[in-house]
Structures are given as C-alpha cells and as structure tokens.
Protein backbone atom coordinates (compact mmCIF):
# COMPACT_ATOMS: atom_id res chain seq x y z
CA MET A 1 42.02 -25.37 -14.38
CA THR A 2 40.86 -21.76 -14.45
CA SER A 3 39.85 -19.79 -11.35
CA LYS A 4 37.96 -16.65 -11.33
CA LYS A 5 39.57 -13.96 -9.11
CA ARG A 6 37.28 -12.07 -6.97
CA PRO A 7 37.54 -8.31 -6.96
CA ASP A 8 39.03 -6.69 -3.89
CA LEU A 9 37.21 -4.19 -1.63
CA ALA A 10 38.81 -1.16 -3.23
CA THR A 11 37.70 -2.15 -6.71
CA LEU A 12 34.07 -2.78 -5.51
CA GLU A 13 33.93 0.54 -3.75
CA ALA A 14 35.28 2.27 -6.93
CA ASN A 15 32.70 0.62 -9.06
CA PHE A 16 29.84 0.68 -6.59
CA ASP A 17 27.25 2.21 -8.86
CA GLN A 18 27.96 -0.27 -11.56
CA GLU A 19 27.89 -3.30 -9.13
CA SER A 20 24.71 -2.22 -7.41
CA ALA A 21 22.91 -1.56 -10.82
CA TRP A 22 24.08 -5.09 -11.84
CA ALA A 23 22.86 -6.66 -8.57
CA GLU A 24 19.55 -4.82 -8.81
CA ALA A 25 18.98 -5.88 -12.38
CA ASN A 26 19.88 -9.52 -11.73
CA TYR A 27 18.44 -10.10 -8.24
CA ARG A 28 15.85 -7.34 -8.03
CA PRO A 29 15.07 -5.88 -4.60
CA GLN A 30 12.71 -7.75 -2.41
CA VAL A 31 9.16 -7.02 -3.44
CA MET A 32 7.90 -4.47 -0.98
CA GLY A 33 4.48 -4.79 -2.25
CA ARG A 34 4.02 -8.55 -1.55
CA LEU A 35 1.18 -8.76 0.72
CA THR A 36 0.97 -12.44 0.83
CA ARG A 37 3.38 -15.36 0.39
CA PRO A 38 2.98 -17.18 -3.01
CA GLY A 39 1.29 -20.59 -2.96
CA ARG A 40 -1.03 -22.14 -0.51
CA PRO A 41 -1.09 -20.88 3.09
CA PRO A 42 0.20 -23.18 5.80
CA LYS A 43 -2.30 -25.63 7.35
CA GLY A 44 -4.29 -24.05 10.15
CA ALA A 45 -3.49 -20.42 9.17
CA THR A 46 -6.23 -17.88 9.40
CA ILE A 47 -7.10 -16.46 6.02
CA GLU A 48 -8.81 -13.17 5.36
CA PRO A 49 -11.35 -13.70 2.63
CA THR A 50 -10.92 -11.59 -0.53
CA GLN A 51 -13.57 -10.02 -2.85
CA PRO A 52 -13.01 -9.23 -6.49
CA HIS A 53 -13.60 -5.53 -7.32
CA SER A 54 -13.33 -3.72 -10.56
CA VAL A 55 -11.91 -0.23 -11.26
CA ARG A 56 -12.62 1.62 -14.36
CA VAL A 57 -9.77 3.67 -15.58
CA GLN A 58 -8.66 5.14 -18.95
CA ALA A 59 -6.46 2.90 -21.16
CA SER A 60 -3.48 5.27 -20.78
CA ILE A 61 -3.67 5.08 -17.05
CA TRP A 62 -3.82 1.38 -17.10
CA LEU A 63 -0.85 1.08 -19.45
CA ALA A 64 1.25 3.42 -17.23
CA VAL A 65 0.31 1.42 -14.11
CA SER A 66 0.94 -1.93 -15.68
CA THR A 67 4.28 -0.73 -17.04
CA LYS A 68 5.50 0.66 -13.65
CA ALA A 69 4.29 -2.46 -11.82
CA LYS A 70 6.06 -4.69 -14.26
CA LYS A 71 9.34 -2.84 -13.82
CA ALA A 72 8.92 -3.23 -9.95
CA GLY A 73 8.25 -6.87 -10.34
CA LEU A 74 4.70 -6.65 -9.28
CA THR A 75 1.39 -7.49 -10.75
CA VAL A 76 -1.17 -4.70 -11.38
CA ASN A 77 -3.20 -6.12 -8.56
CA GLN A 78 -0.35 -6.05 -6.16
CA ALA A 79 0.66 -2.49 -7.16
CA ALA A 80 -3.01 -1.39 -6.68
CA GLN A 81 -3.18 -3.00 -3.28
CA VAL A 82 0.07 -1.36 -2.08
CA ALA A 83 -1.19 2.05 -3.46
CA LEU A 84 -4.58 1.73 -1.68
CA LEU A 85 -3.03 0.74 1.63
CA GLU A 86 -0.52 3.63 1.47
CA TRP A 87 -3.35 5.93 0.66
CA ALA A 88 -5.59 4.57 3.39
CA ASN A 89 -2.76 4.79 6.03
CA ARG A 90 -2.14 8.48 5.42
C-alpha cells in the first residue's frame, strides 16, 4: 500500500508561486465575467429578455479578443458583455 505524503506548510510557502500557478492552470479562477448561471433558469425566476446585436470589427481585433477570452475561460460574447458593462459603469 502506498500513501502520498502531503507537503508541509513550509514547503508550500517556499513553492507558493509554483503551487499557485499549478492551481490556476488546473482549476482556473472563478469566471468573473459570468453574467448568468449556465443552464435553464429556475422555475418562476424573472428573466430579462436579450436581443442579438452585431459588431463589425477588423479580423485582427476579433482574433485578439477571442484569444484573450479563451485564455480567461470566457466566450467572446461574455468578454464583450463584461467589457461593455465596465465601460458603461465608468
């Protein structure tokens, strides 16, 4: 029978950067841009209607936005919503 020994606090503190990078890569931070919960809303919940809109951007801008959104664990739509809300709340 093998047992994995857990690292002690001193070892974790010494390797904090490495441990936090591992945790962020494997668990990802909570998505700050999530505006709605995934899936259907609960029964009886009030739902604000949405409307589709289009934005015309250059291909290079779209590629940059989609790459950054993917790294953050967001869709381009979520990233755009977060950016628009931040800009509107300035």
